[in-house]
């Protein structure tokens, strides 16, 4: 029996303000790596009548989960994620 390892394709998000020459950085607090389209969150900061949707991109799933859970407690991970000292 053969085992297939499927590839996950990471596409870096291009910053159109710089004519596509630069990539968007990770939206997590102190990370300076490039953001990936695979790990993105869209949040509506507007009111019901006037939506204001903002797209945040992250370099890893861990930083995305940190951001999602930072609304409740700053820096907490959801159950099932291990802490790391990176």
PDB file of N, CA and C in Angstrom:
ATOM      1  N   UNK A   1       0.838  -1.167   0.000  1.00  0.00           N
ATOM      2  CA  UNK A   1       0.000   0.000   0.000  1.00  0.00           C
ATOM      3  C   UNK A   1       0.896   1.248   0.000  1.00  0.00           C
ATOM      4  N   UNK A   2       0.609   2.148  -0.883  1.00  0.00           N
ATOM      5  CA  UNK A   2       1.404   3.374  -0.966  1.00  0.00           C
ATOM      6  C   UNK A   2       0.707   4.502  -0.210  1.00  0.00           C
ATOM      7  N   UNK A   3       1.513   5.398   0.255  1.00  0.00           N
ATOM      8  CA  UNK A   3       0.985   6.528   1.003  1.00  0.00           C
ATOM      9  C   UNK A   3       1.297   7.812   0.242  1.00  0.00           C
ATOM     10  N   UNK A   4       0.272   8.606   0.025  1.00  0.00           N
ATOM     11  CA  UNK A   4       0.444   9.854  -0.704  1.00  0.00           C
ATOM     12  C   UNK A   4       0.547  11.012   0.289  1.00  0.00           C
ATOM     13  N   UNK A   5       1.537  11.825   0.082  1.00  0.00           N
ATOM     14  CA  UNK A   5       1.675  13.040   0.891  1.00  0.00           C
ATOM     15  C   UNK A   5       1.248  14.214   0.014  1.00  0.00           C
ATOM     16  N   UNK A   6       0.096  14.747   0.321  1.00  0.00           N
ATOM     17  CA  UNK A   6      -0.429  15.840  -0.482  1.00  0.00           C
ATOM     18  C   UNK A   6       0.258  17.148  -0.109  1.00  0.00           C
ATOM     19  N   UNK A   7       0.561  17.908  -1.092  1.00  0.00           N
ATOM     20  CA  UNK A   7       1.240  19.179  -0.874  1.00  0.00           C
ATOM     21  C   UNK A   7       0.233  20.270  -0.523  1.00  0.00           C
ATOM     22  N   UNK A   8       0.623  21.106   0.399  1.00  0.00           N
ATOM     23  CA  UNK A   8      -0.158  22.282   0.718  1.00  0.00           C
ATOM     24  C   UNK A   8       0.569  23.456   0.082  1.00  0.00           C
ATOM     25  N   UNK A   9      -0.104  24.133  -0.806  1.00  0.00           N
ATOM     26  CA  UNK A   9       0.528  25.212  -1.551  1.00  0.00           C
ATOM     27  C   UNK A   9       0.311  26.523  -0.813  1.00  0.00           C
ATOM     28  N   UNK A  10       1.410  27.149  -0.443  1.00  0.00           N
ATOM     29  CA  UNK A  10       1.355  28.450   0.216  1.00  0.00           C
ATOM     30  C   UNK A  10       1.577  29.536  -0.821  1.00  0.00           C
ATOM     31  N   UNK A  11       0.618  30.441  -0.947  1.00  0.00           N
ATOM     32  CA  UNK A  11       0.762  31.584  -1.841  1.00  0.00           C
ATOM     33  C   UNK A  11       0.951  32.828  -0.992  1.00  0.00           C
ATOM     34  N   UNK A  12       2.065  33.510  -1.185  1.00  0.00           N
ATOM     35  CA  UNK A  12       2.299  34.739  -0.444  1.00  0.00           C
ATOM     36  C   UNK A  12       1.383  35.828  -0.988  1.00  0.00           C
ATOM     37  N   UNK A  13       0.884  36.678  -0.101  1.00  0.00           N
ATOM     38  CA  UNK A  13      -0.025  37.751  -0.479  1.00  0.00           C
ATOM     39  C   UNK A  13       0.814  38.937  -0.958  1.00  0.00           C
ATOM     40  N   UNK A  14       0.512  39.419  -2.147  1.00  0.00           N
ATOM     41  CA  UNK A  14       1.268  40.507  -2.759  1.00  0.00           C
ATOM     42  C   UNK A  14       0.693  41.844  -2.323  1.00  0.00           C
ATOM     43  N   UNK A  15       1.570  42.770  -1.991  1.00  0.00           N
ATOM     44  CA  UNK A  15       1.171  44.119  -1.605  1.00  0.00           C
ATOM     45  C   UNK A  15       1.079  44.966  -2.869  1.00  0.00           C
ATOM     46  N   UNK A  16      -0.119  45.317  -3.276  1.00  0.00           N
ATOM     47  CA  UNK A  16      -0.314  46.071  -4.512  1.00  0.00           C
ATOM     48  C   UNK A  16       0.059  47.538  -4.384  1.00  0.00           C
ATOM     49  N   UNK A  17       0.242  48.034  -3.168  1.00  0.00           N
ATOM     50  CA  UNK A  17       0.679  49.418  -2.989  1.00  0.00           C
ATOM     51  C   UNK A  17       2.109  49.636  -3.468  1.00  0.00           C
ATOM     52  N   UNK A  18       2.899  48.572  -3.503  1.00  0.00           N
ATOM     53  CA  UNK A  18       4.292  48.656  -3.951  1.00  0.00           C
ATOM     54  C   UNK A  18       4.475  47.996  -5.314  1.00  0.00           C
ATOM     55  N   UNK A  19       3.462  48.032  -6.153  1.00  0.00           N
ATOM     56  CA  UNK A  19       3.487  47.463  -7.510  1.00  0.00           C
ATOM     57  C   UNK A  19       3.823  45.979  -7.519  1.00  0.00           C
ATOM     58  N   UNK A  20       3.450  45.267  -6.466  1.00  0.00           N
ATOM     59  CA  UNK A  20       3.672  43.830  -6.412  1.00  0.00           C
ATOM     60  C   UNK A  20       5.101  43.440  -6.102  1.00  0.00           C
ATOM     61  N   UNK A  21       5.943  44.403  -5.730  1.00  0.00           N
ATOM     62  CA  UNK A  21       7.345  44.110  -5.449  1.00  0.00           C
ATOM     63  C   UNK A  21       7.547  43.557  -4.040  1.00  0.00           C
ATOM     64  N   UNK A  22       6.612  43.800  -3.137  1.00  0.00           N
ATOM     65  CA  UNK A  22       6.738  43.344  -1.753  1.00  0.00           C
ATOM     66  C   UNK A  22       5.547  42.473  -1.391  1.00  0.00           C
ATOM     67  N   UNK A  23       5.711  41.680  -0.330  1.00  0.00           N
ATOM     68  CA  UNK A  23       4.631  40.847   0.182  1.00  0.00           C
ATOM     69  C   UNK A  23       4.084  41.453   1.470  1.00  0.00           C
ATOM     70  N   UNK A  24       2.855  41.085   1.798  1.00  0.00           N
ATOM     71  CA  UNK A  24       2.214  41.543   3.029  1.00  0.00           C
ATOM     72  C   UNK A  24       2.799  40.751   4.193  1.00  0.00           C
ATOM     73  N   UNK A  25       3.135  41.453   5.277  1.00  0.00           N
ATOM     74  CA  UNK A  25       3.702  40.782   6.444  1.00  0.00           C
ATOM     75  C   UNK A  25       2.601  40.128   7.274  1.00  0.00           C
ATOM     76  N   UNK A  26       2.995  39.166   8.076  1.00  0.00           N
ATOM     77  CA  UNK A  26       2.081  38.471   8.986  1.00  0.00           C
ATOM     78  C   UNK A  26       1.444  39.486   9.931  1.00  0.00           C
ATOM     79  N   UNK A  27       0.151  39.332  10.198  1.00  0.00           N
ATOM     80  CA  UNK A  27      -0.587  40.287  11.019  1.00  0.00           C
ATOM     81  C   UNK A  27      -0.428  40.041  12.512  1.00  0.00           C
ATOM     82  N   UNK A  28       0.299  38.991  12.905  1.00  0.00           N
ATOM     83  CA  UNK A  28       0.491  38.761  14.333  1.00  0.00           C
ATOM     84  C   UNK A  28       1.435  39.810  14.894  1.00  0.00           C
ATOM     85  N   UNK A  29       1.345  40.040  16.181  1.00  0.00           N
ATOM     86  CA  UNK A  29       1.953  41.167  16.879  1.00  0.00           C
ATOM     87  C   UNK A  29       3.428  41.405  16.547  1.00  0.00           C
ATOM     88  N   UNK A  30       4.293  40.444  16.736  1.00  0.00           N
ATOM     89  CA  UNK A  30       5.723  40.678  16.586  1.00  0.00           C
ATOM     90  C   UNK A  30       6.373  39.811  15.508  1.00  0.00           C
ATOM     91  N   UNK A  31       5.603  39.319  14.585  1.00  0.00           N
ATOM     92  CA  UNK A  31       6.126  38.468  13.511  1.00  0.00           C
ATOM     93  C   UNK A  31       6.447  39.326  12.286  1.00  0.00           C
ATOM     94  N   UNK A  32       7.574  39.029  11.633  1.00  0.00           N
ATOM     95  CA  UNK A  32       7.983  39.788  10.457  1.00  0.00           C
ATOM     96  C   UNK A  32       8.070  38.923   9.199  1.00  0.00           C
ATOM     97  N   UNK A  33       7.495  37.720   9.239  1.00  0.00           N
ATOM     98  CA  UNK A  33       7.504  36.852   8.060  1.00  0.00           C
ATOM     99  C   UNK A  33       6.389  37.246   7.099  1.00  0.00           C
ATOM    100  N   UNK A  34       6.465  36.749   5.885  1.00  0.00           N
ATOM    101  CA  UNK A  34       5.456  37.052   4.870  1.00  0.00           C
ATOM    102  C   UNK A  34       4.153  36.324   5.176  1.00  0.00           C
ATOM    103  N   UNK A  35       3.030  37.009   4.939  1.00  0.00           N
ATOM    104  CA  UNK A  35       1.716  36.419   5.133  1.00  0.00           C
ATOM    105  C   UNK A  35       1.356  35.495   3.984  1.00  0.00           C
ATOM    106  N   UNK A  36       0.616  34.434   4.282  1.00  0.00           N
ATOM    107  CA  UNK A  36       0.242  33.417   3.306  1.00  0.00           C
ATOM    108  C   UNK A  36      -1.274  33.421   3.136  1.00  0.00           C
ATOM    109  N   UNK A  37      -1.731  33.296   1.902  1.00  0.00           N
ATOM    110  CA  UNK A  37      -3.160  33.334   1.590  1.00  0.00           C
ATOM    111  C   UNK A  37      -3.918  32.166   2.226  1.00  0.00           C
ATOM    112  N   UNK A  38      -3.231  31.077   2.492  1.00  0.00           N
ATOM    113  CA  UNK A  38      -3.852  29.896   3.093  1.00  0.00           C
ATOM    114  C   UNK A  38      -4.336  30.176   4.515  1.00  0.00           C
ATOM    115  N   UNK A  39      -3.628  31.048   5.237  1.00  0.00           N
ATOM    116  CA  UNK A  39      -3.958  31.367   6.629  1.00  0.00           C
ATOM    117  C   UNK A  39      -4.459  32.807   6.695  1.00  0.00           C
ATOM    118  N   UNK A  40      -5.730  32.990   6.401  1.00  0.00           N
ATOM    119  CA  UNK A  40      -6.299  34.339   6.428  1.00  0.00           C
ATOM    120  C   UNK A  40      -7.599  34.351   7.216  1.00  0.00           C
ATOM    121  N   UNK A  41      -7.908  35.531   7.756  1.00  0.00           N
ATOM    122  CA  UNK A  41      -9.134  35.744   8.531  1.00  0.00           C
ATOM    123  C   UNK A  41      -9.765  37.022   8.016  1.00  0.00           C
ATOM    124  N   UNK A  42     -11.064  36.989   7.804  1.00  0.00           N
ATOM    125  CA  UNK A  42     -11.809  38.190   7.409  1.00  0.00           C
ATOM    126  C   UNK A  42     -12.730  38.571   8.552  1.00  0.00           C
ATOM    127  N   UNK A  43     -12.617  39.829   8.987  1.00  0.00           N
ATOM    128  CA  UNK A  43     -13.403  40.319  10.118  1.00  0.00           C
ATOM    129  C   UNK A  43     -14.154  41.564   9.680  1.00  0.00           C
ATOM    130  N   UNK A  44     -15.434  41.630  10.070  1.00  0.00           N
ATOM    131  CA  UNK A  44     -16.259  42.799   9.779  1.00  0.00           C
ATOM    132  C   UNK A  44     -16.223  43.723  10.994  1.00  0.00           C
ATOM    133  N   UNK A  45     -15.501  44.846  10.869  1.00  0.00           N
ATOM    134  CA  UNK A  45     -15.402  45.814  11.948  1.00  0.00           C
ATOM    135  C   UNK A  45     -16.488  46.878  11.876  1.00  0.00           C
ATOM    136  N   UNK A  46     -17.299  46.854  10.835  1.00  0.00           N
ATOM    137  CA  UNK A  46     -18.325  47.883  10.657  1.00  0.00           C
ATOM    138  C   UNK A  46     -19.620  47.542  11.355  1.00  0.00           C
ATOM    139  N   UNK A  47     -20.553  48.455  11.218  1.00  0.00           N
ATOM    140  CA  UNK A  47     -21.877  48.233  11.765  1.00  0.00           C
ATOM    141  C   UNK A  47     -22.700  47.457  10.736  1.00  0.00           C
ATOM    142  N   UNK A  48     -23.901  47.102  11.083  1.00  0.00           N
ATOM    143  CA  UNK A  48     -24.724  46.287  10.195  1.00  0.00           C
ATOM    144  C   UNK A  48     -25.084  47.017   8.905  1.00  0.00           C
ATOM    145  N   UNK A  49     -25.297  48.325   8.973  1.00  0.00           N
ATOM    146  CA  UNK A  49     -25.688  49.069   7.782  1.00  0.00           C
ATOM    147  C   UNK A  49     -24.499  49.323   6.852  1.00  0.00           C
ATOM    148  N   UNK A  50     -23.319  49.570   7.429  1.00  0.00           N
ATOM    149  CA  UNK A  50     -22.134  49.846   6.611  1.00  0.00           C
ATOM    150  C   UNK A  50     -21.028  48.857   6.973  1.00  0.00           C
ATOM    151  N   UNK A  51     -20.898  47.781   6.237  1.00  0.00           N
ATOM    152  CA  UNK A  51     -19.859  46.795   6.560  1.00  0.00           C
ATOM    153  C   UNK A  51     -18.457  47.333   6.262  1.00  0.00           C
ATOM    154  N   UNK A  52     -17.516  46.940   7.075  1.00  0.00           N
ATOM    155  CA  UNK A  52     -16.111  47.305   6.898  1.00  0.00           C
ATOM    156  C   UNK A  52     -15.293  46.032   7.109  1.00  0.00           C
ATOM    157  N   UNK A  53     -15.117  45.258   6.048  1.00  0.00           N
ATOM    158  CA  UNK A  53     -14.450  43.966   6.125  1.00  0.00           C
ATOM    159  C   UNK A  53     -12.956  44.153   5.914  1.00  0.00           C
ATOM    160  N   UNK A  54     -12.164  43.595   6.837  1.00  0.00           N
ATOM    161  CA  UNK A  54     -10.713  43.671   6.773  1.00  0.00           C
ATOM    162  C   UNK A  54     -10.166  42.249   6.702  1.00  0.00           C
ATOM    163  N   UNK A  55      -9.219  42.018   5.794  1.00  0.00           N
ATOM    164  CA  UNK A  55      -8.605  40.700   5.650  1.00  0.00           C
ATOM    165  C   UNK A  55      -7.234  40.720   6.318  1.00  0.00           C
ATOM    166  N   UNK A  56      -7.032  39.823   7.280  1.00  0.00           N
ATOM    167  CA  UNK A  56      -5.752  39.676   7.969  1.00  0.00           C
ATOM    168  C   UNK A  56      -5.117  38.381   7.469  1.00  0.00           C
ATOM    169  N   UNK A  57      -3.836  38.432   7.094  1.00  0.00           N
ATOM    170  CA  UNK A  57      -3.122  37.227   6.663  1.00  0.00           C
ATOM    171  C   UNK A  57      -2.021  36.908   7.666  1.00  0.00           C
ATOM    172  N   UNK A  58      -1.729  35.619   7.798  1.00  0.00           N
ATOM    173  CA  UNK A  58      -0.745  35.146   8.764  1.00  0.00           C
ATOM    174  C   UNK A  58       0.209  34.183   8.088  1.00  0.00           C
ATOM    175  N   UNK A  59       1.367  33.965   8.722  1.00  0.00           N
ATOM    176  CA  UNK A  59       2.374  33.082   8.134  1.00  0.00           C
ATOM    177  C   UNK A  59       2.115  31.615   8.499  1.00  0.00           C
ATOM    178  N   UNK A  60       1.487  31.349   9.628  1.00  0.00           N
ATOM    179  CA  UNK A  60       1.218  29.977  10.061  1.00  0.00           C
ATOM    180  C   UNK A  60      -0.180  29.883  10.666  1.00  0.00           C
ATOM    181  N   UNK A  61      -0.659  28.660  10.784  1.00  0.00           N
ATOM    182  CA  UNK A  61      -1.957  28.412  11.414  1.00  0.00           C
ATOM    183  C   UNK A  61      -1.914  28.794  12.894  1.00  0.00           C
ATOM    184  N   UNK A  62      -0.770  28.631  13.533  1.00  0.00           N
ATOM    185  CA  UNK A  62      -0.616  28.970  14.949  1.00  0.00           C
ATOM    186  C   UNK A  62      -0.830  30.466  15.180  1.00  0.00           C
ATOM    187  N   UNK A  63      -0.248  31.299  14.327  1.00  0.00           N
ATOM    188  CA  UNK A  63      -0.442  32.742  14.488  1.00  0.00           C
ATOM    189  C   UNK A  63      -1.881  33.134  14.200  1.00  0.00           C
ATOM    190  N   UNK A  64      -2.514  32.452  13.271  1.00  0.00           N
ATOM    191  CA  UNK A  64      -3.936  32.702  12.985  1.00  0.00           C
ATOM    192  C   UNK A  64      -4.786  32.368  14.207  1.00  0.00           C
ATOM    193  N   UNK A  65      -4.511  31.231  14.867  1.00  0.00           N
ATOM    194  CA  UNK A  65      -5.268  30.844  16.055  1.00  0.00           C
ATOM    195  C   UNK A  65      -5.002  31.798  17.223  1.00  0.00           C
ATOM    196  N   UNK A  66      -3.758  32.262  17.359  1.00  0.00           N
ATOM    197  CA  UNK A  66      -3.465  33.270  18.372  1.00  0.00           C
ATOM    198  C   UNK A  66      -4.321  34.508  18.159  1.00  0.00           C
ATOM    199  N   UNK A  67      -4.429  34.958  16.906  1.00  0.00           N
ATOM    200  CA  UNK A  67      -5.193  36.167  16.587  1.00  0.00           C
ATOM    201  C   UNK A  67      -6.681  35.978  16.860  1.00  0.00           C
ATOM    202  N   UNK A  68      -7.228  34.843  16.446  1.00  0.00           N
ATOM    203  CA  UNK A  68      -8.658  34.575  16.640  1.00  0.00           C
ATOM    204  C   UNK A  68      -9.002  34.550  18.123  1.00  0.00           C
ATOM    205  N   UNK A  69      -8.142  33.945  18.938  1.00  0.00           N
ATOM    206  CA  UNK A  69      -8.417  33.825  20.368  1.00  0.00           C
ATOM    207  C   UNK A  69      -7.942  35.015  21.173  1.00  0.00           C
ATOM    208  N   UNK A  70      -7.275  35.975  20.547  1.00  0.00           N
ATOM    209  CA  UNK A  70      -6.803  37.139  21.294  1.00  0.00           C
ATOM    210  C   UNK A  70      -7.940  38.086  21.660  1.00  0.00           C
ATOM    211  N   UNK A  71      -9.100  37.913  21.073  1.00  0.00           N
ATOM    212  CA  UNK A  71     -10.245  38.750  21.424  1.00  0.00           C
ATOM    213  C   UNK A  71     -10.647  38.472  22.875  1.00  0.00           C
ATOM    214  N   UNK A  72     -10.590  37.207  23.262  1.00  0.00           N
ATOM    215  CA  UNK A  72     -10.970  36.835  24.625  1.00  0.00           C
ATOM    216  C   UNK A  72      -9.833  37.079  25.612  1.00  0.00           C
ATOM    217  N   UNK A  73      -8.707  36.427  25.396  1.00  0.00           N
ATOM    218  CA  UNK A  73      -7.537  36.567  26.271  1.00  0.00           C
ATOM    219  C   UNK A  73      -6.308  36.680  25.390  1.00  0.00           C
ATOM    220  N   UNK A  74      -5.512  37.694  25.592  1.00  0.00           N
ATOM    221  CA  UNK A  74      -4.358  37.965  24.739  1.00  0.00           C
ATOM    222  C   UNK A  74      -3.358  36.803  24.792  1.00  0.00           C
ATOM    223  N   UNK A  75      -3.089  36.189  23.652  1.00  0.00           N
ATOM    224  CA  UNK A  75      -2.054  35.172  23.541  1.00  0.00           C
ATOM    225  C   UNK A  75      -2.476  33.757  23.867  1.00  0.00           C
ATOM    226  N   UNK A  76      -3.726  33.484  24.136  1.00  0.00           N
ATOM    227  CA  UNK A  76      -4.147  32.125  24.471  1.00  0.00           C
ATOM    228  C   UNK A  76      -4.447  31.325  23.224  1.00  0.00           C
ATOM    229  N   UNK A  77      -4.094  30.054  23.261  1.00  0.00           N
ATOM    230  CA  UNK A  77      -4.411  29.133  22.177  1.00  0.00           C
ATOM    231  C   UNK A  77      -5.659  28.345  22.531  1.00  0.00           C
ATOM    232  N   UNK A  78      -6.396  27.856  21.518  1.00  0.00           N
ATOM    233  CA  UNK A  78      -7.567  27.025  21.792  1.00  0.00           C
ATOM    234  C   UNK A  78      -7.147  25.651  22.305  1.00  0.00           C
ATOM    235  N   UNK A  79      -8.067  24.887  22.879  1.00  0.00           N
ATOM    236  CA  UNK A  79      -7.739  23.545  23.351  1.00  0.00           C
ATOM    237  C   UNK A  79      -7.219  22.676  22.209  1.00  0.00           C
ATOM    238  N   UNK A  80      -6.205  21.872  22.507  1.00  0.00           N
ATOM    239  CA  UNK A  80      -5.629  20.987  21.505  1.00  0.00           C
ATOM    240  C   UNK A  80      -4.334  21.494  20.898  1.00  0.00           C
ATOM    241  N   UNK A  81      -4.002  22.748  21.103  1.00  0.00           N
ATOM    242  CA  UNK A  81      -2.754  23.309  20.606  1.00  0.00           C
ATOM    243  C   UNK A  81      -1.723  23.327  21.720  1.00  0.00           C
ATOM    244  N   UNK A  82      -0.510  22.893  21.418  1.00  0.00           N
ATOM    245  CA  UNK A  82       0.557  22.887  22.411  1.00  0.00           C
ATOM    246  C   UNK A  82       1.318  24.203  22.382  1.00  0.00           C
ATOM    247  N   UNK A  83       1.771  24.629  23.519  1.00  0.00           N
ATOM    248  CA  UNK A  83       2.622  25.816  23.590  1.00  0.00           C
ATOM    249  C   UNK A  83       4.006  25.467  23.050  1.00  0.00           C
ATOM    250  N   UNK A  84       4.650  26.432  22.443  1.00  0.00           N
ATOM    251  CA  UNK A  84       6.018  26.238  21.984  1.00  0.00           C
ATOM    252  C   UNK A  84       6.834  27.467  22.331  1.00  0.00           C
ATOM    253  N   UNK A  85       8.127  27.290  22.383  1.00  0.00           N
ATOM    254  CA  UNK A  85       9.015  28.385  22.734  1.00  0.00           C
ATOM    255  C   UNK A  85       9.770  28.832  21.505  1.00  0.00           C
ATOM    256  N   UNK A  86       9.024  29.300  20.501  1.00  0.00           N
ATOM    257  CA  UNK A  86       9.634  29.763  19.245  1.00  0.00           C
ATOM    258  C   UNK A  86       9.847  31.249  19.326  1.00  0.00           C
TER     259      UNK A  86
END
